[in-house]
Amino acid sequence: MIDAHLLPLQRALMEPIARGLVTRGVRADQITLAGCAIGLLATVAAACGLFWLALIGLAANRLADGLDGPVARMTKTTDRGAFLDITLDFVFYAAFPIGFIVVDPTANAVPGAVLVASFVLTGTSFLAFSIIAERRGMSSEEFPSKGIYYLGGLAEGAETIAVFAAFCLFPVVFPWIAWGFAAVCLVTAVTRIAAGWKAFG
């Protein structure tokens, strides 16, 4: 919902760091892969009840996600890079709640599973729209720098990261946060399906 408004601030913060990484020969794909690995380690930390460490890993994962794009644009953008970026984002989004399911399956299993299922709905509608939009030569005015057509919605990256941070800060109320965000994701999926129905009719 707010990703497009945060992009100018993100660029301003990330570009100086990205420039420093480029001068040191760091490649965008390396950042993407390292970010995913850190995110998966953050999931393991959550599963072990080390929520502060999971929060640090979450922040590092998102920092990497914010840096790989600018580094790619300063060097060479590739289809492989765009593919890795979006795919590993979804890997992390799906994996992170599982850490909280593992640490307390009695309380967290059902809401966590419903949350992950809601991510499948939002991700499927997002990617399906992007495929058809690409086929039709459409471009996103709100997200012109993205490697694929980026269809926004009520639940986008910023909201998801805020929810993940809340999981780490308030793990006892994970079920309530998960149920609430799953409902938001369901609304997002429905609006994206409606947008596709209208745009591709």
N, C-alpha and C. Protein backbone atom coordinates (compact mmCIF):
# COMPACT_ATOMS: atom_id res chain seq x y z
N MET A 1 0.81 -1.20 0.00
CA MET A 1 0.00 0.00 0.00
C MET A 1 0.85 1.26 0.00
N ILE A 2 2.02 1.21 0.68
CA ILE A 2 2.85 2.42 0.79
C ILE A 2 4.20 2.26 0.10
N ASP A 3 4.43 1.14 -0.56
CA ASP A 3 5.75 0.90 -1.17
C ASP A 3 6.14 2.00 -2.16
N ALA A 4 5.19 2.43 -2.99
CA ALA A 4 5.51 3.44 -4.01
C ALA A 4 5.94 4.76 -3.37
N HIS A 5 5.37 5.08 -2.21
CA HIS A 5 5.71 6.32 -1.52
C HIS A 5 7.07 6.22 -0.82
N LEU A 6 7.46 5.00 -0.47
CA LEU A 6 8.74 4.80 0.21
C LEU A 6 9.92 4.70 -0.74
N LEU A 7 9.64 4.43 -2.03
CA LEU A 7 10.72 4.21 -2.99
C LEU A 7 11.71 5.37 -3.08
N PRO A 8 11.26 6.64 -3.16
CA PRO A 8 12.26 7.73 -3.24
C PRO A 8 13.19 7.76 -2.03
N LEU A 9 12.63 7.54 -0.83
CA LEU A 9 13.47 7.51 0.38
C LEU A 9 14.41 6.32 0.33
N GLN A 10 13.92 5.18 -0.11
CA GLN A 10 14.77 3.99 -0.20
C GLN A 10 15.93 4.22 -1.15
N ARG A 11 15.64 4.82 -2.30
CA ARG A 11 16.71 5.10 -3.27
C ARG A 11 17.76 6.03 -2.67
N ALA A 12 17.29 7.08 -1.99
CA ALA A 12 18.23 8.04 -1.41
C ALA A 12 19.14 7.39 -0.38
N LEU A 13 18.60 6.45 0.38
CA LEU A 13 19.40 5.79 1.41
C LEU A 13 20.31 4.70 0.85
N MET A 14 19.82 3.99 -0.17
CA MET A 14 20.54 2.81 -0.67
C MET A 14 21.62 3.14 -1.69
N GLU A 15 21.42 4.17 -2.48
CA GLU A 15 22.35 4.41 -3.59
C GLU A 15 23.78 4.69 -3.15
N PRO A 16 24.02 5.48 -2.09
CA PRO A 16 25.43 5.66 -1.67
C PRO A 16 26.07 4.35 -1.22
N ILE A 17 25.32 3.52 -0.50
CA ILE A 17 25.86 2.23 -0.07
C ILE A 17 26.11 1.34 -1.27
N ALA A 18 25.15 1.34 -2.21
CA ALA A 18 25.29 0.51 -3.42
C ALA A 18 26.51 0.94 -4.22
N ARG A 19 26.75 2.24 -4.29
CA ARG A 19 27.91 2.73 -5.03
C ARG A 19 29.20 2.23 -4.40
N GLY A 20 29.25 2.22 -3.08
CA GLY A 20 30.43 1.70 -2.41
C GLY A 20 30.64 0.21 -2.66
N LEU A 21 29.54 -0.55 -2.71
CA LEU A 21 29.65 -1.98 -3.00
C LEU A 21 30.14 -2.23 -4.43
N VAL A 22 29.65 -1.42 -5.36
CA VAL A 22 30.05 -1.57 -6.76
C VAL A 22 31.54 -1.32 -6.92
N THR A 23 32.05 -0.31 -6.23
CA THR A 23 33.49 -0.02 -6.34
C THR A 23 34.34 -1.15 -5.77
N ARG A 24 33.74 -1.96 -4.90
CA ARG A 24 34.46 -3.10 -4.33
C ARG A 24 34.22 -4.39 -5.11
N GLY A 25 33.52 -4.28 -6.23
CA GLY A 25 33.32 -5.44 -7.09
C GLY A 25 32.21 -6.38 -6.66
N VAL A 26 31.35 -5.94 -5.75
CA VAL A 26 30.24 -6.78 -5.31
C VAL A 26 29.16 -6.78 -6.38
N ARG A 27 28.63 -7.97 -6.69
CA ARG A 27 27.60 -8.09 -7.73
C ARG A 27 26.22 -8.22 -7.10
N ALA A 28 25.22 -7.81 -7.88
CA ALA A 28 23.84 -7.82 -7.38
C ALA A 28 23.38 -9.22 -7.00
N ASP A 29 23.70 -10.21 -7.82
CA ASP A 29 23.27 -11.58 -7.53
C ASP A 29 23.87 -12.08 -6.21
N GLN A 30 25.09 -11.67 -5.91
CA GLN A 30 25.72 -12.06 -4.65
C GLN A 30 24.94 -11.49 -3.46
N ILE A 31 24.51 -10.25 -3.60
CA ILE A 31 23.73 -9.61 -2.53
C ILE A 31 22.39 -10.32 -2.36
N THR A 32 21.73 -10.65 -3.47
CA THR A 32 20.44 -11.33 -3.42
C THR A 32 20.56 -12.67 -2.72
N LEU A 33 21.56 -13.45 -3.10
CA LEU A 33 21.75 -14.78 -2.50
C LEU A 33 22.12 -14.69 -1.02
N ALA A 34 23.00 -13.75 -0.70
CA ALA A 34 23.39 -13.57 0.71
C ALA A 34 22.20 -13.13 1.55
N GLY A 35 21.39 -12.25 0.98
CA GLY A 35 20.21 -11.78 1.70
C GLY A 35 19.24 -12.90 2.00
N CYS A 36 19.04 -13.80 1.04
CA CYS A 36 18.15 -14.93 1.26
C CYS A 36 18.71 -15.86 2.34
N ALA A 37 20.00 -16.12 2.28
CA ALA A 37 20.63 -16.98 3.28
C ALA A 37 20.46 -16.40 4.68
N ILE A 38 20.66 -15.09 4.80
CA ILE A 38 20.49 -14.43 6.10
C ILE A 38 19.03 -14.53 6.56
N GLY A 39 18.10 -14.36 5.62
CA GLY A 39 16.69 -14.47 5.97
C GLY A 39 16.32 -15.86 6.47
N LEU A 40 16.89 -16.88 5.85
CA LEU A 40 16.61 -18.25 6.29
C LEU A 40 17.24 -18.51 7.66
N LEU A 41 18.41 -17.94 7.91
CA LEU A 41 19.02 -18.07 9.24
C LEU A 41 18.17 -17.34 10.29
N ALA A 42 17.55 -16.22 9.89
CA ALA A 42 16.65 -15.52 10.80
C ALA A 42 15.45 -16.39 11.14
N THR A 43 14.98 -17.17 10.17
CA THR A 43 13.89 -18.11 10.41
C THR A 43 14.30 -19.16 11.43
N VAL A 44 15.51 -19.67 11.30
CA VAL A 44 16.03 -20.65 12.26
C VAL A 44 16.13 -20.02 13.66
N ALA A 45 16.57 -18.78 13.71
CA ALA A 45 16.67 -18.08 14.99
C ALA A 45 15.30 -17.98 15.66
N ALA A 46 14.27 -17.65 14.88
CA ALA A 46 12.92 -17.56 15.43
C ALA A 46 12.46 -18.92 15.93
N ALA A 47 12.78 -19.97 15.17
CA ALA A 47 12.40 -21.33 15.57
C ALA A 47 13.07 -21.73 16.88
N CYS A 48 14.23 -21.15 17.18
CA CYS A 48 14.95 -21.44 18.42
C CYS A 48 14.57 -20.49 19.56
N GLY A 49 13.63 -19.59 19.28
CA GLY A 49 13.21 -18.63 20.30
C GLY A 49 14.12 -17.44 20.46
N LEU A 50 15.06 -17.27 19.54
CA LEU A 50 15.99 -16.13 19.58
C LEU A 50 15.41 -14.99 18.76
N PHE A 51 14.37 -14.37 19.29
CA PHE A 51 13.59 -13.41 18.49
C PHE A 51 14.37 -12.14 18.19
N TRP A 52 15.25 -11.72 19.09
CA TRP A 52 16.07 -10.55 18.82
C TRP A 52 17.01 -10.80 17.65
N LEU A 53 17.55 -12.04 17.58
CA LEU A 53 18.43 -12.38 16.48
C LEU A 53 17.64 -12.50 15.17
N ALA A 54 16.42 -13.01 15.27
CA ALA A 54 15.56 -13.08 14.09
C ALA A 54 15.26 -11.68 13.56
N LEU A 55 15.08 -10.72 14.47
CA LEU A 55 14.81 -9.34 14.06
C LEU A 55 16.01 -8.73 13.35
N ILE A 56 17.20 -9.00 13.87
CA ILE A 56 18.42 -8.51 13.21
C ILE A 56 18.56 -9.13 11.83
N GLY A 57 18.30 -10.44 11.72
CA GLY A 57 18.37 -11.10 10.42
C GLY A 57 17.33 -10.57 9.45
N LEU A 58 16.15 -10.28 9.96
CA LEU A 58 15.10 -9.67 9.13
C LEU A 58 15.57 -8.34 8.57
N ALA A 59 16.15 -7.50 9.42
CA ALA A 59 16.64 -6.20 8.97
C ALA A 59 17.74 -6.35 7.92
N ALA A 60 18.66 -7.31 8.15
CA ALA A 60 19.75 -7.52 7.20
C ALA A 60 19.22 -8.05 5.86
N ASN A 61 18.23 -8.93 5.93
CA ASN A 61 17.62 -9.46 4.70
C ASN A 61 16.99 -8.35 3.88
N ARG A 62 16.28 -7.45 4.55
CA ARG A 62 15.62 -6.35 3.84
C ARG A 62 16.64 -5.34 3.33
N LEU A 63 17.73 -5.16 4.06
CA LEU A 63 18.79 -4.28 3.56
C LEU A 63 19.36 -4.82 2.27
N ALA A 64 19.62 -6.12 2.24
CA ALA A 64 20.13 -6.75 1.01
C ALA A 64 19.13 -6.60 -0.13
N ASP A 65 17.85 -6.75 0.18
CA ASP A 65 16.83 -6.62 -0.85
C ASP A 65 16.76 -5.20 -1.40
N GLY A 66 17.07 -4.24 -0.54
CA GLY A 66 17.07 -2.85 -0.99
C GLY A 66 18.32 -2.48 -1.77
N LEU A 67 19.38 -3.27 -1.63
CA LEU A 67 20.65 -2.94 -2.27
C LEU A 67 20.86 -3.62 -3.61
N ASP A 68 20.30 -4.82 -3.80
CA ASP A 68 20.62 -5.55 -5.03
C ASP A 68 20.14 -4.83 -6.29
N GLY A 69 18.98 -4.16 -6.19
CA GLY A 69 18.47 -3.43 -7.35
C GLY A 69 19.37 -2.28 -7.77
N PRO A 70 19.70 -1.36 -6.84
CA PRO A 70 20.61 -0.27 -7.20
C PRO A 70 21.97 -0.75 -7.71
N VAL A 71 22.51 -1.81 -7.10
CA VAL A 71 23.79 -2.35 -7.57
C VAL A 71 23.65 -2.86 -9.00
N ALA A 72 22.55 -3.55 -9.29
CA ALA A 72 22.32 -4.05 -10.64
C ALA A 72 22.22 -2.91 -11.64
N ARG A 73 21.50 -1.85 -11.28
CA ARG A 73 21.34 -0.72 -12.21
C ARG A 73 22.64 0.03 -12.43
N MET A 74 23.54 0.00 -11.44
CA MET A 74 24.83 0.68 -11.60
C MET A 74 25.83 -0.17 -12.38
N THR A 75 25.54 -1.44 -12.53
CA THR A 75 26.44 -2.33 -13.27
C THR A 75 25.72 -2.85 -14.51
N LYS A 76 25.00 -3.94 -14.36
CA LYS A 76 24.26 -4.51 -15.50
C LYS A 76 23.05 -5.27 -14.99
N THR A 77 21.87 -4.83 -15.39
CA THR A 77 20.67 -5.56 -15.02
C THR A 77 20.52 -6.79 -15.91
N THR A 78 20.03 -7.87 -15.33
CA THR A 78 19.85 -9.12 -16.08
C THR A 78 18.50 -9.74 -15.74
N ASP A 79 18.00 -10.55 -16.64
CA ASP A 79 16.76 -11.28 -16.37
C ASP A 79 16.96 -12.26 -15.21
N ARG A 80 18.16 -12.85 -15.13
CA ARG A 80 18.43 -13.77 -14.02
C ARG A 80 18.35 -13.04 -12.69
N GLY A 81 18.86 -11.84 -12.64
CA GLY A 81 18.82 -11.06 -11.41
C GLY A 81 17.40 -10.74 -10.99
N ALA A 82 16.57 -10.33 -11.95
CA ALA A 82 15.17 -10.04 -11.65
C ALA A 82 14.45 -11.29 -11.17
N PHE A 83 14.75 -12.43 -11.81
CA PHE A 83 14.15 -13.70 -11.43
C PHE A 83 14.55 -14.08 -10.00
N LEU A 84 15.85 -14.00 -9.71
CA LEU A 84 16.33 -14.34 -8.37
C LEU A 84 15.72 -13.43 -7.32
N ASP A 85 15.65 -12.15 -7.62
CA ASP A 85 15.16 -11.17 -6.65
C ASP A 85 13.74 -11.50 -6.20
N ILE A 86 12.83 -11.67 -7.15
CA ILE A 86 11.43 -11.91 -6.80
C ILE A 86 11.25 -13.31 -6.22
N THR A 87 11.95 -14.30 -6.77
CA THR A 87 11.79 -15.68 -6.28
C THR A 87 12.27 -15.81 -4.84
N LEU A 88 13.44 -15.28 -4.55
CA LEU A 88 13.98 -15.43 -3.19
C LEU A 88 13.25 -14.55 -2.19
N ASP A 89 12.64 -13.46 -2.65
CA ASP A 89 11.76 -12.69 -1.77
C ASP A 89 10.61 -13.57 -1.29
N PHE A 90 9.99 -14.29 -2.22
CA PHE A 90 8.86 -15.14 -1.86
C PHE A 90 9.31 -16.32 -1.00
N VAL A 91 10.51 -16.82 -1.24
CA VAL A 91 11.05 -17.88 -0.39
C VAL A 91 11.14 -17.39 1.05
N PHE A 92 11.67 -16.20 1.23
CA PHE A 92 11.81 -15.66 2.58
C PHE A 92 10.46 -15.39 3.22
N TYR A 93 9.55 -14.77 2.46
CA TYR A 93 8.23 -14.46 3.01
C TYR A 93 7.51 -15.73 3.48
N ALA A 94 7.64 -16.80 2.72
CA ALA A 94 6.97 -18.05 3.08
C ALA A 94 7.66 -18.73 4.26
N ALA A 95 8.98 -18.59 4.35
CA ALA A 95 9.74 -19.31 5.37
C ALA A 95 9.65 -18.66 6.75
N PHE A 96 9.67 -17.35 6.80
CA PHE A 96 9.81 -16.66 8.09
C PHE A 96 8.73 -17.03 9.10
N PRO A 97 7.45 -17.07 8.73
CA PRO A 97 6.44 -17.46 9.73
C PRO A 97 6.62 -18.88 10.24
N ILE A 98 7.25 -19.74 9.46
CA ILE A 98 7.44 -21.13 9.88
C ILE A 98 8.31 -21.20 11.14
N GLY A 99 9.24 -20.27 11.28
CA GLY A 99 10.04 -20.24 12.50
C GLY A 99 9.18 -20.08 13.74
N PHE A 100 8.14 -19.28 13.65
CA PHE A 100 7.25 -19.05 14.78
C PHE A 100 6.29 -20.23 14.98
N ILE A 101 5.98 -20.92 13.91
CA ILE A 101 5.18 -22.15 14.04
C ILE A 101 5.98 -23.21 14.79
N VAL A 102 7.26 -23.34 14.44
CA VAL A 102 8.10 -24.36 15.06
C VAL A 102 8.32 -24.08 16.55
N VAL A 103 8.51 -22.83 16.91
CA VAL A 103 8.84 -22.51 18.30
C VAL A 103 7.64 -22.73 19.23
N ASP A 104 6.41 -22.61 18.69
CA ASP A 104 5.22 -22.84 19.52
C ASP A 104 4.09 -23.38 18.64
N PRO A 105 4.18 -24.63 18.22
CA PRO A 105 3.18 -25.18 17.29
C PRO A 105 1.77 -25.21 17.86
N THR A 106 1.62 -25.38 19.15
CA THR A 106 0.28 -25.44 19.73
C THR A 106 -0.49 -24.14 19.49
N ALA A 107 0.15 -23.03 19.73
CA ALA A 107 -0.52 -21.73 19.56
C ALA A 107 -0.45 -21.20 18.14
N ASN A 108 0.66 -21.51 17.44
CA ASN A 108 0.94 -20.80 16.19
C ASN A 108 0.70 -21.59 14.91
N ALA A 109 0.49 -22.89 14.99
CA ALA A 109 0.45 -23.71 13.77
C ALA A 109 -0.68 -23.30 12.84
N VAL A 110 -1.89 -23.21 13.35
CA VAL A 110 -3.04 -22.92 12.47
C VAL A 110 -2.97 -21.49 11.92
N PRO A 111 -2.82 -20.45 12.77
CA PRO A 111 -2.73 -19.10 12.19
C PRO A 111 -1.53 -18.94 11.27
N GLY A 112 -0.41 -19.60 11.62
CA GLY A 112 0.77 -19.51 10.76
C GLY A 112 0.55 -20.16 9.41
N ALA A 113 -0.13 -21.32 9.40
CA ALA A 113 -0.42 -22.00 8.14
C ALA A 113 -1.37 -21.18 7.29
N VAL A 114 -2.37 -20.58 7.92
CA VAL A 114 -3.31 -19.73 7.18
C VAL A 114 -2.58 -18.51 6.60
N LEU A 115 -1.66 -17.96 7.37
CA LEU A 115 -0.89 -16.81 6.88
C LEU A 115 -0.06 -17.19 5.65
N VAL A 116 0.65 -18.32 5.73
CA VAL A 116 1.45 -18.76 4.59
C VAL A 116 0.55 -19.03 3.38
N ALA A 117 -0.62 -19.63 3.60
CA ALA A 117 -1.56 -19.85 2.50
C ALA A 117 -2.02 -18.53 1.89
N SER A 118 -2.22 -17.52 2.73
CA SER A 118 -2.62 -16.21 2.20
C SER A 118 -1.49 -15.59 1.37
N PHE A 119 -0.23 -15.87 1.75
CA PHE A 119 0.90 -15.41 0.94
C PHE A 119 0.90 -16.09 -0.43
N VAL A 120 0.50 -17.36 -0.46
CA VAL A 120 0.39 -18.06 -1.75
C VAL A 120 -0.63 -17.34 -2.64
N LEU A 121 -1.75 -16.93 -2.07
CA LEU A 121 -2.78 -16.24 -2.84
C LEU A 121 -2.27 -14.89 -3.36
N THR A 122 -1.64 -14.11 -2.48
CA THR A 122 -1.15 -12.80 -2.93
C THR A 122 -0.03 -12.97 -3.96
N GLY A 123 0.87 -13.94 -3.71
CA GLY A 123 1.98 -14.15 -4.64
C GLY A 123 1.52 -14.66 -5.98
N THR A 124 0.56 -15.57 -5.98
CA THR A 124 0.05 -16.12 -7.24
C THR A 124 -0.64 -15.04 -8.07
N SER A 125 -1.49 -14.26 -7.42
CA SER A 125 -2.20 -13.20 -8.15
C SER A 125 -1.22 -12.14 -8.66
N PHE A 126 -0.20 -11.85 -7.86
CA PHE A 126 0.83 -10.88 -8.25
C PHE A 126 1.61 -11.36 -9.48
N LEU A 127 2.09 -12.59 -9.42
CA LEU A 127 2.92 -13.11 -10.51
C LEU A 127 2.10 -13.39 -11.77
N ALA A 128 0.88 -13.89 -11.61
CA ALA A 128 0.03 -14.14 -12.77
C ALA A 128 -0.27 -12.84 -13.50
N PHE A 129 -0.57 -11.78 -12.75
CA PHE A 129 -0.81 -10.48 -13.37
C PHE A 129 0.44 -10.01 -14.10
N SER A 130 1.60 -10.18 -13.48
CA SER A 130 2.85 -9.73 -14.08
C SER A 130 3.14 -10.43 -15.41
N ILE A 131 2.85 -11.74 -15.45
CA ILE A 131 3.10 -12.51 -16.68
C ILE A 131 2.25 -11.97 -17.84
N ILE A 132 0.96 -11.79 -17.58
CA ILE A 132 0.07 -11.32 -18.65
C ILE A 132 0.39 -9.88 -19.01
N ALA A 133 0.71 -9.05 -17.99
CA ALA A 133 1.07 -7.66 -18.26
C ALA A 133 2.30 -7.57 -19.15
N GLU A 134 3.30 -8.43 -18.89
CA GLU A 134 4.51 -8.47 -19.71
C GLU A 134 4.17 -8.88 -21.14
N ARG A 135 3.29 -9.86 -21.28
CA ARG A 135 2.88 -10.32 -22.60
C ARG A 135 2.21 -9.20 -23.39
N ARG A 136 1.50 -8.34 -22.70
CA ARG A 136 0.77 -7.25 -23.36
C ARG A 136 1.60 -5.97 -23.47
N GLY A 137 2.84 -6.01 -22.98
CA GLY A 137 3.71 -4.84 -23.07
C GLY A 137 3.34 -3.73 -22.11
N MET A 138 2.67 -4.07 -21.01
CA MET A 138 2.28 -3.07 -20.03
C MET A 138 3.46 -2.73 -19.13
N SER A 139 3.45 -1.53 -18.59
CA SER A 139 4.49 -1.11 -17.64
C SER A 139 3.84 -0.43 -16.45
N SER A 140 4.48 -0.55 -15.31
CA SER A 140 3.94 0.03 -14.08
C SER A 140 4.49 1.43 -13.88
N GLU A 141 3.60 2.42 -13.82
CA GLU A 141 4.04 3.80 -13.62
C GLU A 141 4.52 4.02 -12.18
N GLU A 142 3.93 3.29 -11.23
CA GLU A 142 4.32 3.48 -9.83
C GLU A 142 5.66 2.85 -9.50
N PHE A 143 6.01 1.76 -10.22
CA PHE A 143 7.25 1.03 -9.93
C PHE A 143 8.04 0.81 -11.23
N PRO A 144 8.52 1.90 -11.85
CA PRO A 144 9.19 1.76 -13.14
C PRO A 144 10.54 1.05 -13.08
N SER A 145 11.16 0.99 -11.89
CA SER A 145 12.50 0.40 -11.79
C SER A 145 12.47 -1.09 -11.49
N LYS A 146 11.29 -1.66 -11.27
CA LYS A 146 11.19 -3.08 -10.94
C LYS A 146 11.49 -3.93 -12.17
N GLY A 147 12.04 -5.13 -11.92
CA GLY A 147 12.40 -6.02 -13.02
C GLY A 147 11.21 -6.65 -13.70
N ILE A 148 10.05 -6.69 -13.02
CA ILE A 148 8.83 -7.21 -13.60
C ILE A 148 7.71 -6.23 -13.32
N TYR A 149 6.55 -6.43 -13.96
CA TYR A 149 5.41 -5.57 -13.67
C TYR A 149 5.02 -5.76 -12.21
N TYR A 150 4.99 -4.67 -11.47
CA TYR A 150 4.73 -4.73 -10.03
C TYR A 150 3.34 -4.18 -9.76
N LEU A 151 2.42 -5.07 -9.41
CA LEU A 151 1.05 -4.67 -9.07
C LEU A 151 0.94 -4.53 -7.57
N GLY A 152 0.64 -3.32 -7.11
CA GLY A 152 0.54 -3.06 -5.69
C GLY A 152 -0.73 -3.63 -5.08
N GLY A 153 -0.97 -3.29 -3.84
CA GLY A 153 -2.15 -3.77 -3.14
C GLY A 153 -2.12 -3.34 -1.69
N LEU A 154 -3.10 -3.79 -0.95
CA LEU A 154 -3.19 -3.44 0.46
C LEU A 154 -2.01 -3.97 1.25
N ALA A 155 -1.58 -5.19 0.94
CA ALA A 155 -0.42 -5.81 1.60
C ALA A 155 0.74 -5.88 0.61
N GLU A 156 1.74 -5.04 0.82
CA GLU A 156 2.94 -5.04 -0.02
C GLU A 156 4.16 -5.33 0.86
N GLY A 157 5.32 -5.02 0.35
CA GLY A 157 6.54 -5.34 1.08
C GLY A 157 6.66 -4.64 2.42
N ALA A 158 6.38 -3.35 2.47
CA ALA A 158 6.55 -2.60 3.70
C ALA A 158 5.65 -3.13 4.81
N GLU A 159 4.39 -3.42 4.45
CA GLU A 159 3.46 -3.94 5.45
C GLU A 159 3.89 -5.32 5.95
N THR A 160 4.38 -6.14 5.03
CA THR A 160 4.81 -7.49 5.41
C THR A 160 6.00 -7.42 6.37
N ILE A 161 6.94 -6.54 6.09
CA ILE A 161 8.11 -6.42 6.96
C ILE A 161 7.72 -5.86 8.33
N ALA A 162 6.77 -4.93 8.35
CA ALA A 162 6.30 -4.41 9.64
C ALA A 162 5.65 -5.53 10.46
N VAL A 163 4.91 -6.39 9.81
CA VAL A 163 4.27 -7.52 10.50
C VAL A 163 5.33 -8.50 11.00
N PHE A 164 6.33 -8.80 10.18
CA PHE A 164 7.40 -9.71 10.60
C PHE A 164 8.16 -9.14 11.80
N ALA A 165 8.39 -7.83 11.77
CA ALA A 165 9.07 -7.20 12.91
C ALA A 165 8.20 -7.32 14.17
N ALA A 166 6.89 -7.16 14.00
CA ALA A 166 5.98 -7.30 15.14
C ALA A 166 6.02 -8.73 15.70
N PHE A 167 6.15 -9.71 14.81
CA PHE A 167 6.30 -11.10 15.28
C PHE A 167 7.48 -11.22 16.24
N CYS A 168 8.59 -10.60 15.85
CA CYS A 168 9.81 -10.70 16.66
C CYS A 168 9.70 -9.92 17.97
N LEU A 169 9.06 -8.78 17.91
CA LEU A 169 8.95 -7.93 19.10
C LEU A 169 7.89 -8.42 20.07
N PHE A 170 6.83 -9.01 19.54
CA PHE A 170 5.71 -9.46 20.37
C PHE A 170 5.32 -10.90 20.00
N PRO A 171 6.22 -11.86 20.20
CA PRO A 171 5.96 -13.23 19.75
C PRO A 171 4.75 -13.88 20.42
N VAL A 172 4.40 -13.43 21.61
CA VAL A 172 3.28 -14.03 22.33
C VAL A 172 1.96 -13.80 21.58
N VAL A 173 1.86 -12.69 20.87
CA VAL A 173 0.60 -12.38 20.15
C VAL A 173 0.71 -12.74 18.67
N PHE A 174 1.68 -13.60 18.33
CA PHE A 174 1.80 -14.04 16.93
C PHE A 174 0.46 -14.49 16.34
N PRO A 175 -0.34 -15.32 17.03
CA PRO A 175 -1.58 -15.78 16.39
C PRO A 175 -2.50 -14.64 15.96
N TRP A 176 -2.65 -13.65 16.80
CA TRP A 176 -3.56 -12.55 16.48
C TRP A 176 -3.03 -11.72 15.31
N ILE A 177 -1.74 -11.45 15.32
CA ILE A 177 -1.15 -10.70 14.20
C ILE A 177 -1.27 -11.50 12.91
N ALA A 178 -1.01 -12.80 12.98
CA ALA A 178 -1.07 -13.65 11.79
C ALA A 178 -2.48 -13.71 11.22
N TRP A 179 -3.47 -13.90 12.08
CA TRP A 179 -4.86 -13.92 11.61
C TRP A 179 -5.22 -12.60 10.93
N GLY A 180 -4.84 -11.49 11.57
CA GLY A 180 -5.17 -10.17 11.02
C GLY A 180 -4.52 -9.92 9.68
N PHE A 181 -3.23 -10.26 9.58
CA PHE A 181 -2.54 -9.99 8.31
C PHE A 181 -2.98 -10.95 7.23
N ALA A 182 -3.35 -12.17 7.60
CA ALA A 182 -3.90 -13.11 6.61
C ALA A 182 -5.16 -12.53 5.98
N ALA A 183 -5.99 -11.88 6.79
CA ALA A 183 -7.20 -11.25 6.27
C ALA A 183 -6.85 -10.11 5.31
N VAL A 184 -5.83 -9.33 5.66
CA VAL A 184 -5.39 -8.23 4.78
C VAL A 184 -4.87 -8.81 3.46
N CYS A 185 -4.12 -9.91 3.54
CA CYS A 185 -3.60 -10.54 2.33
C CYS A 185 -4.73 -11.08 1.45
N LEU A 186 -5.77 -11.61 2.08
CA LEU A 186 -6.91 -12.11 1.32
C LEU A 186 -7.58 -10.97 0.55
N VAL A 187 -7.75 -9.83 1.21
CA VAL A 187 -8.32 -8.66 0.53
C VAL A 187 -7.43 -8.25 -0.63
N THR A 188 -6.12 -8.26 -0.41
CA THR A 188 -5.16 -7.91 -1.47
C THR A 188 -5.30 -8.83 -2.66
N ALA A 189 -5.38 -10.15 -2.40
CA ALA A 189 -5.51 -11.11 -3.49
C ALA A 189 -6.79 -10.89 -4.27
N VAL A 190 -7.89 -10.63 -3.57
CA VAL A 190 -9.17 -10.40 -4.25
C VAL A 190 -9.11 -9.16 -5.12
N THR A 191 -8.49 -8.08 -4.62
CA THR A 191 -8.39 -6.86 -5.42
C THR A 191 -7.49 -7.06 -6.63
N ARG A 192 -6.45 -7.87 -6.49
CA ARG A 192 -5.56 -8.14 -7.63
C ARG A 192 -6.27 -8.99 -8.68
N ILE A 193 -7.05 -9.96 -8.22
CA ILE A 193 -7.82 -10.77 -9.16
C ILE A 193 -8.82 -9.90 -9.91
N ALA A 194 -9.47 -8.99 -9.17
CA ALA A 194 -10.41 -8.07 -9.80
C ALA A 194 -9.71 -7.16 -10.81
N ALA A 195 -8.50 -6.71 -10.45
CA ALA A 195 -7.73 -5.85 -11.36
C ALA A 195 -7.37 -6.61 -12.64
N GLY A 196 -6.98 -7.89 -12.48
CA GLY A 196 -6.67 -8.69 -13.66
C GLY A 196 -7.89 -8.93 -14.52
N TRP A 197 -9.02 -9.20 -13.88
CA TRP A 197 -10.28 -9.42 -14.61
C TRP A 197 -10.62 -8.20 -15.46
N LYS A 198 -10.42 -7.02 -14.87
CA LYS A 198 -10.75 -5.77 -15.58
C LYS A 198 -9.71 -5.47 -16.66
N ALA A 199 -8.42 -5.58 -16.31
CA ALA A 199 -7.35 -5.18 -17.22
C ALA A 199 -7.25 -6.11 -18.43
N PHE A 200 -7.54 -7.39 -18.26
CA PHE A 200 -7.32 -8.37 -19.31
C PHE A 200 -8.63 -8.81 -19.97
N GLY A 201 -9.69 -8.11 -19.70
CA GLY A 201 -10.98 -8.49 -20.26
C GLY A 201 -11.07 -8.18 -21.75
